PDB file of N, CA and C in Angstrom:
ATOM      1  N   MET A   1     128.046 124.879  68.001  1.00  0.00           N
ATOM      2  CA  MET A   1     128.686 126.110  67.571  1.00  0.00           C
ATOM      3  C   MET A   1     127.604 127.146  67.278  1.00  0.00           C
ATOM      4  N   ALA A   2     127.779 128.357  67.745  1.00  0.00           N
ATOM      5  CA  ALA A   2     126.783 129.417  67.586  1.00  0.00           C
ATOM      6  C   ALA A   2     126.821 129.981  66.169  1.00  0.00           C
ATOM      7  N   LYS A   3     125.638 130.342  65.684  1.00  0.00           N
ATOM      8  CA  LYS A   3     125.541 130.988  64.375  1.00  0.00           C
ATOM      9  C   LYS A   3     125.821 132.479  64.533  1.00  0.00           C
ATOM     10  N   PRO A   4     126.416 133.114  63.507  1.00  0.00           N
ATOM     11  CA  PRO A   4     126.627 134.558  63.595  1.00  0.00           C
ATOM     12  C   PRO A   4     125.275 135.274  63.583  1.00  0.00           C
ATOM     13  N   ALA A   5     125.183 136.356  64.327  1.00  0.00           N
ATOM     14  CA  ALA A   5     123.931 137.123  64.385  1.00  0.00           C
ATOM     15  C   ALA A   5     123.681 137.794  63.042  1.00  0.00           C
ATOM     16  N   GLU A   6     122.432 137.746  62.605  1.00  0.00           N
ATOM     17  CA  GLU A   6     122.054 138.414  61.368  1.00  0.00           C
ATOM     18  C   GLU A   6     121.365 139.721  61.717  1.00  0.00           C
ATOM     19  N   ALA A   7     121.581 140.744  60.888  1.00  0.00           N
ATOM     20  CA  ALA A   7     120.938 142.032  61.112  1.00  0.00           C
ATOM     21  C   ALA A   7     119.443 141.902  60.846  1.00  0.00           C
ATOM     22  N   ALA A   8     118.662 142.548  61.678  1.00  0.00           N
ATOM     23  CA  ALA A   8     117.211 142.538  61.485  1.00  0.00           C
ATOM     24  C   ALA A   8     116.875 143.391  60.268  1.00  0.00           C
ATOM     25  N   LEU A   9     115.871 142.971  59.506  1.00  0.00           N
ATOM     26  CA  LEU A   9     115.450 143.719  58.332  1.00  0.00           C
ATOM     27  C   LEU A   9     114.147 144.449  58.612  1.00  0.00           C
ATOM     28  N   CYS A  10     114.074 145.680  58.156  1.00  0.00           N
ATOM     29  CA  CYS A  10     112.860 146.479  58.250  1.00  0.00           C
ATOM     30  C   CYS A  10     112.282 146.619  56.848  1.00  0.00           C
ATOM     31  N   GLU A  11     110.972 146.460  56.739  1.00  0.00           N
ATOM     32  CA  GLU A  11     110.278 146.507  55.452  1.00  0.00           C
ATOM     33  C   GLU A  11     109.603 147.856  55.282  1.00  0.00           C
ATOM     34  N   ARG A  12     109.680 148.390  54.042  1.00  0.00           N
ATOM     35  CA  ARG A  12     109.038 149.660  53.728  1.00  0.00           C
ATOM     36  C   ARG A  12     108.578 149.621  52.272  1.00  0.00           C
ATOM     37  N   ARG A  13     107.417 150.143  52.014  1.00  0.00           N
ATOM     38  CA  ARG A  13     106.944 150.217  50.630  1.00  0.00           C
ATOM     39  C   ARG A  13     107.903 151.106  49.844  1.00  0.00           C
ATOM     40  N   SER A  14     108.212 150.696  48.622  1.00  0.00           N
ATOM     41  CA  SER A  14     109.149 151.440  47.790  1.00  0.00           C
ATOM     42  C   SER A  14     108.657 152.861  47.552  1.00  0.00           C
ATOM     43  N   LYS A  15     109.597 153.808  47.603  1.00  0.00           N
ATOM     44  CA  LYS A  15     109.276 155.209  47.341  1.00  0.00           C
ATOM     45  C   LYS A  15     109.447 155.558  45.867  1.00  0.00           C
ATOM     46  N   THR A  16     110.081 154.664  45.082  1.00  0.00           N
ATOM     47  CA  THR A  16     110.343 154.975  43.676  1.00  0.00           C
ATOM     48  C   THR A  16     109.543 154.109  42.709  1.00  0.00           C
ATOM     49  N   TRP A  17     108.937 153.026  43.181  1.00  0.00           N
ATOM     50  CA  TRP A  17     108.178 152.113  42.320  1.00  0.00           C
ATOM     51  C   TRP A  17     106.815 152.717  42.016  1.00  0.00           C
ATOM     52  N   THR A  18     106.365 152.606  40.759  1.00  0.00           N
ATOM     53  CA  THR A  18     105.022 153.055  40.399  1.00  0.00           C
ATOM     54  C   THR A  18     104.267 151.896  39.774  1.00  0.00           C
ATOM     55  N   GLY A  19     102.977 151.824  40.066  1.00  0.00           N
ATOM     56  CA  GLY A  19     102.137 150.775  39.503  1.00  0.00           C
ATOM     57  C   GLY A  19     102.225 149.484  40.289  1.00  0.00           C
ATOM     58  N   PRO A  20     101.470 148.479  39.827  1.00  0.00           N
ATOM     59  CA  PRO A  20     101.481 147.183  40.514  1.00  0.00           C
ATOM     60  C   PRO A  20     102.820 146.470  40.331  1.00  0.00           C
ATOM     61  N   CYS A  21     103.130 145.590  41.247  1.00  0.00           N
ATOM     62  CA  CYS A  21     104.394 144.844  41.222  1.00  0.00           C
ATOM     63  C   CYS A  21     104.100 143.384  40.899  1.00  0.00           C
ATOM     64  N   PHE A  22     104.622 142.910  39.780  1.00  0.00           N
ATOM     65  CA  PHE A  22     104.403 141.527  39.370  1.00  0.00           C
ATOM     66  C   PHE A  22     105.695 140.713  39.294  1.00  0.00           C
ATOM     67  N   VAL A  23     106.833 141.395  39.116  1.00  0.00           N
ATOM     68  CA  VAL A  23     108.117 140.706  38.937  1.00  0.00           C
ATOM     69  C   VAL A  23     109.047 141.083  40.095  1.00  0.00           C
ATOM     70  N   THR A  24     109.196 140.172  41.038  1.00  0.00           N
ATOM     71  CA  THR A  24     110.011 140.433  42.229  1.00  0.00           C
ATOM     72  C   THR A  24     111.444 140.803  41.865  1.00  0.00           C
ATOM     73  N   GLU A  25     112.012 140.198  40.832  1.00  0.00           N
ATOM     74  CA  GLU A  25     113.391 140.495  40.444  1.00  0.00           C
ATOM     75  C   GLU A  25     113.542 141.968  40.059  1.00  0.00           C
ATOM     76  N   ASP A  26     112.544 142.541  39.375  1.00  0.00           N
ATOM     77  CA  ASP A  26     112.605 143.956  38.999  1.00  0.00           C
ATOM     78  C   ASP A  26     112.500 144.849  40.231  1.00  0.00           C
ATOM     79  N   CYS A  27     111.611 144.491  41.139  1.00  0.00           N
ATOM     80  CA  CYS A  27     111.464 145.230  42.398  1.00  0.00           C
ATOM     81  C   CYS A  27     112.769 145.181  43.190  1.00  0.00           C
ATOM     82  N   ASP A  28     113.361 144.013  43.296  1.00  0.00           N
ATOM     83  CA  ASP A  28     114.613 143.831  44.026  1.00  0.00           C
ATOM     84  C   ASP A  28     115.708 144.720  43.441  1.00  0.00           C
ATOM     85  N   LYS A  29     115.824 144.720  42.119  1.00  0.00           N
ATOM     86  CA  LYS A  29     116.852 145.520  41.450  1.00  0.00           C
ATOM     87  C   LYS A  29     116.641 147.011  41.713  1.00  0.00           C
ATOM     88  N   GLN A  30     115.407 147.465  41.608  1.00  0.00           N
ATOM     89  CA  GLN A  30     115.128 148.883  41.824  1.00  0.00           C
ATOM     90  C   GLN A  30     115.385 149.281  43.278  1.00  0.00           C
ATOM     91  N   CYS A  31     114.975 148.445  44.218  1.00  0.00           N
ATOM     92  CA  CYS A  31     115.220 148.748  45.631  1.00  0.00           C
ATOM     93  C   CYS A  31     116.714 148.866  45.913  1.00  0.00           C
ATOM     94  N   ARG A  32     117.500 147.957  45.356  1.00  0.00           N
ATOM     95  CA  ARG A  32     118.948 147.976  45.588  1.00  0.00           C
ATOM     96  C   ARG A  32     119.605 149.188  44.927  1.00  0.00           C
ATOM     97  N   GLU A  33     119.274 149.435  43.659  1.00  0.00           N
ATOM     98  CA  GLU A  33     119.960 150.467  42.889  1.00  0.00           C
ATOM     99  C   GLU A  33     119.474 151.880  43.181  1.00  0.00           C
ATOM    100  N   ARG A  34     118.182 152.071  43.405  1.00  0.00           N
ATOM    101  CA  ARG A  34     117.643 153.420  43.550  1.00  0.00           C
ATOM    102  C   ARG A  34     117.378 153.835  44.989  1.00  0.00           C
ATOM    103  N   GLU A  35     117.222 152.847  45.885  1.00  0.00           N
ATOM    104  CA  GLU A  35     116.878 153.198  47.260  1.00  0.00           C
ATOM    105  C   GLU A  35     117.913 152.725  48.278  1.00  0.00           C
ATOM    106  N   GLY A  36     118.957 152.038  47.814  1.00  0.00           N
ATOM    107  CA  GLY A  36     120.017 151.595  48.715  1.00  0.00           C
ATOM    108  C   GLY A  36     119.600 150.499  49.683  1.00  0.00           C
ATOM    109  N   ALA A  37     118.567 149.755  49.325  1.00  0.00           N
ATOM    110  CA  ALA A  37     118.066 148.676  50.184  1.00  0.00           C
ATOM    111  C   ALA A  37     118.925 147.432  50.034  1.00  0.00           C
ATOM    112  N   SER A  38     118.764 146.507  50.980  1.00  0.00           N
ATOM    113  CA  SER A  38     119.493 145.244  50.880  1.00  0.00           C
ATOM    114  C   SER A  38     118.777 144.272  49.956  1.00  0.00           C
ATOM    115  N   SER A  39     117.450 144.453  49.778  1.00  0.00           N
ATOM    116  CA  SER A  39     116.680 143.623  48.846  1.00  0.00           C
ATOM    117  C   SER A  39     115.297 144.227  48.660  1.00  0.00           C
ATOM    118  N   GLY A  40     114.521 143.613  47.772  1.00  0.00           N
ATOM    119  CA  GLY A  40     113.148 144.050  47.537  1.00  0.00           C
ATOM    120  C   GLY A  40     112.325 142.894  47.017  1.00  0.00           C
ATOM    121  N   ALA A  41     111.006 142.987  47.174  1.00  0.00           N
ATOM    122  CA  ALA A  41     110.121 141.915  46.723  1.00  0.00           C
ATOM    123  C   ALA A  41     108.703 142.440  46.564  1.00  0.00           C
ATOM    124  N   CYS A  42     107.946 141.782  45.676  1.00  0.00           N
ATOM    125  CA  CYS A  42     106.530 142.098  45.500  1.00  0.00           C
ATOM    126  C   CYS A  42     105.733 141.386  46.591  1.00  0.00           C
ATOM    127  N   HIS A  43     104.872 142.140  47.262  1.00  0.00           N
ATOM    128  CA  HIS A  43     104.013 141.567  48.300  1.00  0.00           C
ATOM    129  C   HIS A  43     102.602 142.107  48.142  1.00  0.00           C
ATOM    130  N   ARG A  44     101.630 141.332  48.606  1.00  0.00           N
ATOM    131  CA  ARG A  44     100.234 141.761  48.561  1.00  0.00           C
ATOM    132  C   ARG A  44     100.078 143.044  49.367  1.00  0.00           C
ATOM    133  N   ASP A  45      99.317 143.973  48.796  1.00  0.00           N
ATOM    134  CA  ASP A  45      99.034 145.245  49.452  1.00  0.00           C
ATOM    135  C   ASP A  45      97.610 145.634  49.085  1.00  0.00           C
ATOM    136  N   GLY A  46      96.681 145.436  49.994  1.00  0.00           N
ATOM    137  CA  GLY A  46      95.284 145.701  49.677  1.00  0.00           C
ATOM    138  C   GLY A  46      94.786 144.684  48.668  1.00  0.00           C
ATOM    139  N   LEU A  47      94.265 145.168  47.547  1.00  0.00           N
ATOM    140  CA  LEU A  47      93.727 144.278  46.514  1.00  0.00           C
ATOM    141  C   LEU A  47      94.757 143.890  45.459  1.00  0.00           C
ATOM    142  N   GLY A  48      95.940 144.492  45.513  1.00  0.00           N
ATOM    143  CA  GLY A  48      96.957 144.201  44.504  1.00  0.00           C
ATOM    144  C   GLY A  48      98.295 143.849  45.132  1.00  0.00           C
ATOM    145  N   PHE A  49      99.351 144.068  44.347  1.00  0.00           N
ATOM    146  CA  PHE A  49     100.710 143.794  44.809  1.00  0.00           C
ATOM    147  C   PHE A  49     101.551 145.052  44.646  1.00  0.00           C
ATOM    148  N   ALA A  50     102.406 145.319  45.626  1.00  0.00           N
ATOM    149  CA  ALA A  50     103.278 146.482  45.604  1.00  0.00           C
ATOM    150  C   ALA A  50     104.716 146.034  45.848  1.00  0.00           C
ATOM    151  N   CYS A  51     105.642 146.901  45.486  1.00  0.00           N
ATOM    152  CA  CYS A  51     107.067 146.641  45.698  1.00  0.00           C
ATOM    153  C   CYS A  51     107.451 147.128  47.095  1.00  0.00           C
ATOM    154  N   PHE A  52     108.045 146.229  47.870  1.00  0.00           N
ATOM    155  CA  PHE A  52     108.521 146.571  49.207  1.00  0.00           C
ATOM    156  C   PHE A  52     110.027 146.378  49.259  1.00  0.00           C
ATOM    157  N   CYS A  53     110.709 147.341  49.886  1.00  0.00           N
ATOM    158  CA  CYS A  53     112.157 147.285  50.033  1.00  0.00           C
ATOM    159  C   CYS A  53     112.506 146.903  51.467  1.00  0.00           C
ATOM    160  N   PHE A  54     113.616 146.194  51.624  1.00  0.00           N
ATOM    161  CA  PHE A  54     114.072 145.740  52.935  1.00  0.00           C
ATOM    162  C   PHE A  54     115.417 146.376  53.255  1.00  0.00           C
ATOM    163  N   PHE A  55     115.480 146.978  54.429  1.00  0.00           N
ATOM    164  CA  PHE A  55     116.675 147.676  54.897  1.00  0.00           C
ATOM    165  C   PHE A  55     117.123 147.081  56.222  1.00  0.00           C
ATOM    166  N   ASN A  56     118.416 147.176  56.524  1.00  0.00           N
ATOM    167  CA  ASN A  56     118.900 146.798  57.853  1.00  0.00           C
ATOM    168  C   ASN A  56     118.349 147.808  58.850  1.00  0.00           C
ATOM    169  N   CYS A  57     117.768 147.317  59.919  1.00  0.00           N
ATOM    170  CA  CYS A  57     117.170 148.200  60.939  1.00  0.00           C
ATOM    171  C   CYS A  57     118.248 148.910  61.743  1.00  0.00           C
TER     172      CYS A  57
END
């Protein structure tokens, strides 16, 4: 039986997050509530961590 197709996700650094990102749950909440993303997570960015939001492409 075939699985339903999932929408591809596009990643973008958060436009509303400031400072380093240490708590993925906070990043996720901000991405969903303030940027309309499907999710968010802290990821390595250079020497630190930043909040990245995920949107349906």
